[in-house]
């Protein structure tokens, strides 16, 4: 039974969207941590999911900002220099 659960988790992790994958990874880590911290696996998984989802969205926003900044720099580098007056 545990093998099936682990296989399903791995399959979902690789096929899920980025924010869903963050939730699944966080839930796995939180569940294990909660289990060892007083048999609170479900609470740990719920908190881990929320944190994983938040961190995943934060990383996606940072990557989007970096791409936008790189696009702006490329656009500025490709622009013709302003003519100088004499």
Protein backbone atom coordinates (compact mmCIF):
# COMPACT_ATOMS: atom_id res chain seq x y z
CA UNK A 1 0.00 0.00 0.00
CA UNK A 2 2.81 2.43 0.86
CA UNK A 3 4.45 1.71 -2.48
CA UNK A 4 1.29 2.76 -4.33
CA UNK A 5 1.03 5.97 -2.34
CA UNK A 6 4.65 6.85 -3.00
CA UNK A 7 4.26 6.06 -6.71
CA UNK A 8 1.16 8.26 -6.91
CA UNK A 9 2.97 11.09 -5.12
CA UNK A 10 5.94 10.90 -7.48
CA UNK A 11 3.64 10.86 -10.53
CA UNK A 12 1.72 13.89 -9.28
CA UNK A 13 4.89 15.78 -8.49
CA UNK A 14 6.23 15.43 -12.02
CA UNK A 15 2.94 16.17 -13.79
CA UNK A 16 1.60 18.97 -11.61
CA UNK A 17 1.91 22.67 -12.31
CA UNK A 18 4.62 24.65 -10.55
CA UNK A 19 2.45 25.91 -7.70
CA UNK A 20 0.83 22.50 -7.22
CA UNK A 21 4.25 20.86 -7.18
CA UNK A 22 5.32 23.33 -4.49
CA UNK A 23 2.31 22.33 -2.43
CA UNK A 24 3.01 18.63 -2.84
CA UNK A 25 6.68 18.97 -1.98
CA UNK A 26 5.88 21.14 1.04
CA UNK A 27 3.20 18.72 2.18
CA UNK A 28 5.62 15.81 1.98
CA UNK A 29 8.27 17.61 3.98
CA UNK A 30 5.74 19.00 6.46
CA UNK A 31 4.11 15.61 6.92
CA UNK A 32 7.42 13.96 7.74
CA UNK A 33 8.41 16.81 10.02
CA UNK A 34 5.04 16.75 11.77
CA UNK A 35 5.27 13.00 12.25
CA UNK A 36 8.60 13.27 14.01
CA UNK A 37 7.48 16.31 16.03
CA UNK A 38 4.73 14.64 17.99
CA UNK A 39 2.71 12.61 15.47
CA UNK A 40 1.11 15.65 13.83
CA UNK A 41 1.53 14.49 10.24
CA UNK A 42 -1.71 15.97 8.90
CA UNK A 43 -1.13 19.38 10.45
CA UNK A 44 2.46 19.38 9.21
CA UNK A 45 1.33 18.43 5.71
CA UNK A 46 -1.28 21.21 5.63
CA UNK A 47 1.19 23.84 6.80
CA UNK A 48 3.88 22.50 4.49
CA UNK A 49 1.49 22.71 1.54
CA UNK A 50 0.69 26.34 2.29
CA UNK A 51 4.36 27.26 2.67
CA UNK A 52 5.39 25.31 -0.44
CA UNK A 53 2.68 26.98 -2.52
CA UNK A 54 3.72 30.42 -1.26
CA UNK A 55 7.41 29.84 -1.96
CA UNK A 56 6.64 28.48 -5.44
CA UNK A 57 4.59 31.56 -6.35
CA UNK A 58 7.28 33.84 -4.92
CA UNK A 59 9.96 32.13 -7.03
CA UNK A 60 7.79 32.40 -10.16
CA UNK A 61 7.30 36.15 -9.56
CA UNK A 62 11.05 36.66 -9.13
CA UNK A 63 11.79 34.78 -12.36
CA UNK A 64 9.21 36.81 -14.26
CA UNK A 65 10.73 40.05 -12.96
CA UNK A 66 14.22 38.92 -13.99
CA UNK A 67 13.01 38.01 -17.48
CA UNK A 68 11.26 41.35 -17.84
CA UNK A 69 14.38 43.23 -16.73
CA UNK A 70 16.54 41.24 -19.17
CA UNK A 71 14.09 41.97 -22.00
CA UNK A 72 14.19 45.69 -21.20
CA UNK A 73 17.99 45.69 -21.15
CA UNK A 74 18.09 43.87 -24.49
CA UNK A 75 15.65 46.36 -25.95
CA UNK A 76 17.72 49.29 -24.69
CA UNK A 77 20.96 47.78 -26.03
CA UNK A 78 19.42 47.24 -29.46
CA UNK A 79 18.07 50.78 -29.72
CA UNK A 80 19.92 53.26 -31.91
CA UNK A 81 21.93 55.87 -30.00
CA UNK A 82 20.42 59.33 -29.82
CA UNK A 83 21.87 61.79 -32.36
CA UNK A 84 24.25 64.38 -30.92
CA UNK A 85 23.92 68.08 -31.74
CA UNK A 86 26.87 70.22 -32.67
